[in-house]
Amino acid sequence: MQDQDFLITTEFIKNGNKLNEFLQGLINLENDINDLESTIESQDKNNIFVRKLIQEHDKKADIYNQAIEIYKYLKYERYKETLAMIKKLERLTESDLQAMKVPTDLYNKLLDVLKENVDLLKPKLKDRIRYKFM
């Protein structure tokens, strides 16, 4: 069976999984940064080992800030993909669904879930404008 025979393509699902993995990496990095901050807080800032921890913290914080920007852009791309998927699904007719052997209630539920996801993924207006011209 080919990908177009399904309501949701495997590519769409894989992209969503990649975004979730990226987010999990961000969460782990944020936890590392928080651990470093709590370790550094209670230490003498003049100690050479503490200064190395501070440098490590600063490097991770820079990486984190860059990764957040990348994540926002990926999230925007996912937002666009989800909108396109909704438009594609909304064009399906009852006979298309019957040919694909998809129950109408499953189709409606899928559409509802995608619309909820699009609301969650929707970036702020300034970000949408910025990414549109990238």
Protein backbone atom coordinates (compact mmCIF):
# COMPACT_ATOMS: atom_id res chain seq x y z
CA MET A 1 0.00 0.00 0.00
CA GLN A 2 1.33 3.45 -0.85
CA ASP A 3 1.54 6.43 1.47
CA GLN A 4 -1.23 8.33 -0.33
CA ASP A 5 -3.63 5.49 0.53
CA PHE A 6 -3.52 6.54 4.17
CA LEU A 7 -5.13 9.53 5.85
CA ILE A 8 -1.85 10.48 7.56
CA THR A 9 1.45 9.84 5.80
CA THR A 10 4.39 8.16 7.50
CA GLU A 11 6.47 11.24 6.66
CA PHE A 12 4.06 13.38 8.69
CA ILE A 13 4.36 11.03 11.67
CA LYS A 14 8.16 10.82 11.43
CA ASN A 15 8.46 14.60 11.39
CA GLY A 16 6.31 14.83 14.52
CA ASN A 17 8.47 12.22 16.25
CA LYS A 18 11.65 14.12 15.32
CA LEU A 19 10.21 17.32 16.79
CA ASN A 20 9.37 15.48 20.02
CA GLU A 21 12.89 14.01 20.21
CA PHE A 22 14.39 17.46 19.68
CA LEU A 23 12.18 18.84 22.46
CA GLN A 24 13.28 16.04 24.79
CA GLY A 25 16.91 16.93 24.06
CA LEU A 26 16.14 20.56 24.95
CA ILE A 27 14.54 19.49 28.21
CA ASN A 28 17.60 17.37 29.08
CA LEU A 29 19.94 20.28 28.27
CA GLU A 30 17.84 22.62 30.38
CA ASN A 31 18.06 20.15 33.28
CA ASP A 32 21.87 20.02 32.89
CA ILE A 33 22.02 23.82 32.97
CA ASN A 34 19.83 23.95 36.08
CA ASP A 35 22.01 21.34 37.79
CA LEU A 36 25.12 23.36 36.99
CA GLU A 37 23.48 26.53 38.30
CA SER A 38 22.54 24.91 41.60
CA THR A 39 26.07 23.48 41.94
CA ILE A 40 27.70 26.83 41.18
CA GLU A 41 25.41 28.85 43.48
CA SER A 42 26.77 27.41 46.68
CA GLN A 43 30.45 27.49 45.68
CA ASP A 44 33.27 30.00 45.87
CA LYS A 45 33.36 31.72 42.48
CA ASN A 46 37.16 32.19 42.70
CA ASN A 47 37.84 28.46 42.78
CA ILE A 48 39.35 27.25 39.48
CA PHE A 49 37.01 24.25 39.30
CA VAL A 50 33.98 26.44 39.87
CA ARG A 51 35.17 28.80 37.13
CA LYS A 52 35.38 25.81 34.77
CA LEU A 53 31.82 24.88 35.77
CA ILE A 54 30.75 28.45 35.04
CA GLN A 55 32.38 28.25 31.61
CA GLU A 56 30.65 24.92 30.97
CA HIS A 57 27.36 26.47 32.09
CA ASP A 58 27.81 29.42 29.74
CA LYS A 59 28.60 27.14 26.79
CA LYS A 60 25.54 25.00 27.46
CA ALA A 61 23.39 28.10 27.91
CA ASP A 62 24.54 29.42 24.51
CA ILE A 63 23.83 26.07 22.88
CA TYR A 64 20.44 25.99 24.58
CA ASN A 65 19.52 29.46 23.31
CA GLN A 66 20.49 28.50 19.77
CA ALA A 67 18.61 25.21 20.06
CA ILE A 68 15.49 27.05 21.23
CA GLU A 69 15.55 29.14 18.05
CA ILE A 70 15.95 26.00 15.95
CA TYR A 71 13.11 24.33 17.86
CA LYS A 72 10.83 27.33 17.27
CA TYR A 73 11.54 27.14 13.56
CA LEU A 74 10.96 23.36 13.45
CA LYS A 75 7.74 23.86 15.36
CA TYR A 76 6.68 26.45 12.78
CA GLU A 77 7.44 23.98 9.98
CA ARG A 78 5.37 21.36 11.80
CA TYR A 79 2.58 23.92 12.12
CA LYS A 80 2.62 24.44 8.33
CA GLU A 81 2.68 20.66 7.70
CA THR A 82 -0.28 20.18 10.02
CA LEU A 83 -2.25 22.94 8.32
CA ALA A 84 -1.55 21.34 4.94
CA MET A 85 -2.62 17.94 6.28
CA ILE A 86 -5.89 19.42 7.57
CA LYS A 87 -6.59 21.04 4.19
CA LYS A 88 -5.85 17.74 2.44
CA LEU A 89 -8.18 15.84 4.76
CA GLU A 90 -10.95 18.43 4.47
CA ARG A 91 -10.94 17.96 0.69
CA LEU A 92 -11.79 14.26 1.04
CA THR A 93 -15.34 13.34 0.18
CA GLU A 94 -17.51 10.67 1.74
CA SER A 95 -16.83 8.42 -1.26
CA ASP A 96 -13.06 8.92 -0.80
CA LEU A 97 -13.39 7.77 2.80
CA GLN A 98 -15.43 4.76 1.78
CA ALA A 99 -12.87 3.84 -0.87
CA MET A 100 -10.14 4.04 1.78
CA LYS A 101 -12.36 2.06 4.19
CA VAL A 102 -12.13 4.80 6.82
CA PRO A 103 -15.08 5.23 9.21
CA THR A 104 -16.45 8.76 9.28
CA ASP A 105 -16.17 9.03 13.06
CA LEU A 106 -12.47 8.12 12.91
CA TYR A 107 -11.95 10.72 10.18
CA ASN A 108 -13.75 13.38 12.25
CA LYS A 109 -11.74 12.51 15.36
CA LEU A 110 -8.48 12.69 13.40
CA LEU A 111 -9.45 16.09 12.02
CA ASP A 112 -10.31 17.33 15.54
CA VAL A 113 -6.96 16.13 16.91
CA LEU A 114 -5.05 17.80 14.08
CA LYS A 115 -6.91 21.07 14.67
CA GLU A 116 -6.06 20.91 18.38
CA ASN A 117 -2.41 20.26 17.48
CA VAL A 118 -2.34 23.19 15.09
CA ASP A 119 -3.58 25.43 17.91
CA LEU A 120 -0.78 24.17 20.16
CA LEU A 121 1.88 24.55 17.46
CA LYS A 122 0.77 27.98 16.29
CA PRO A 123 3.68 30.37 16.76
CA LYS A 124 3.36 33.97 17.84
CA LEU A 125 2.60 36.43 15.06
CA LYS A 126 6.09 37.94 15.11
CA ASP A 127 7.63 34.47 14.72
CA ARG A 128 5.25 33.54 11.87
CA ILE A 129 6.23 36.72 10.04
CA ARG A 130 9.93 36.13 10.69
CA TYR A 131 9.89 32.48 9.55
CA LYS A 132 7.76 33.23 6.51
CA PHE A 133 10.62 35.25 5.03
CA MET A 134 13.36 32.74 5.82
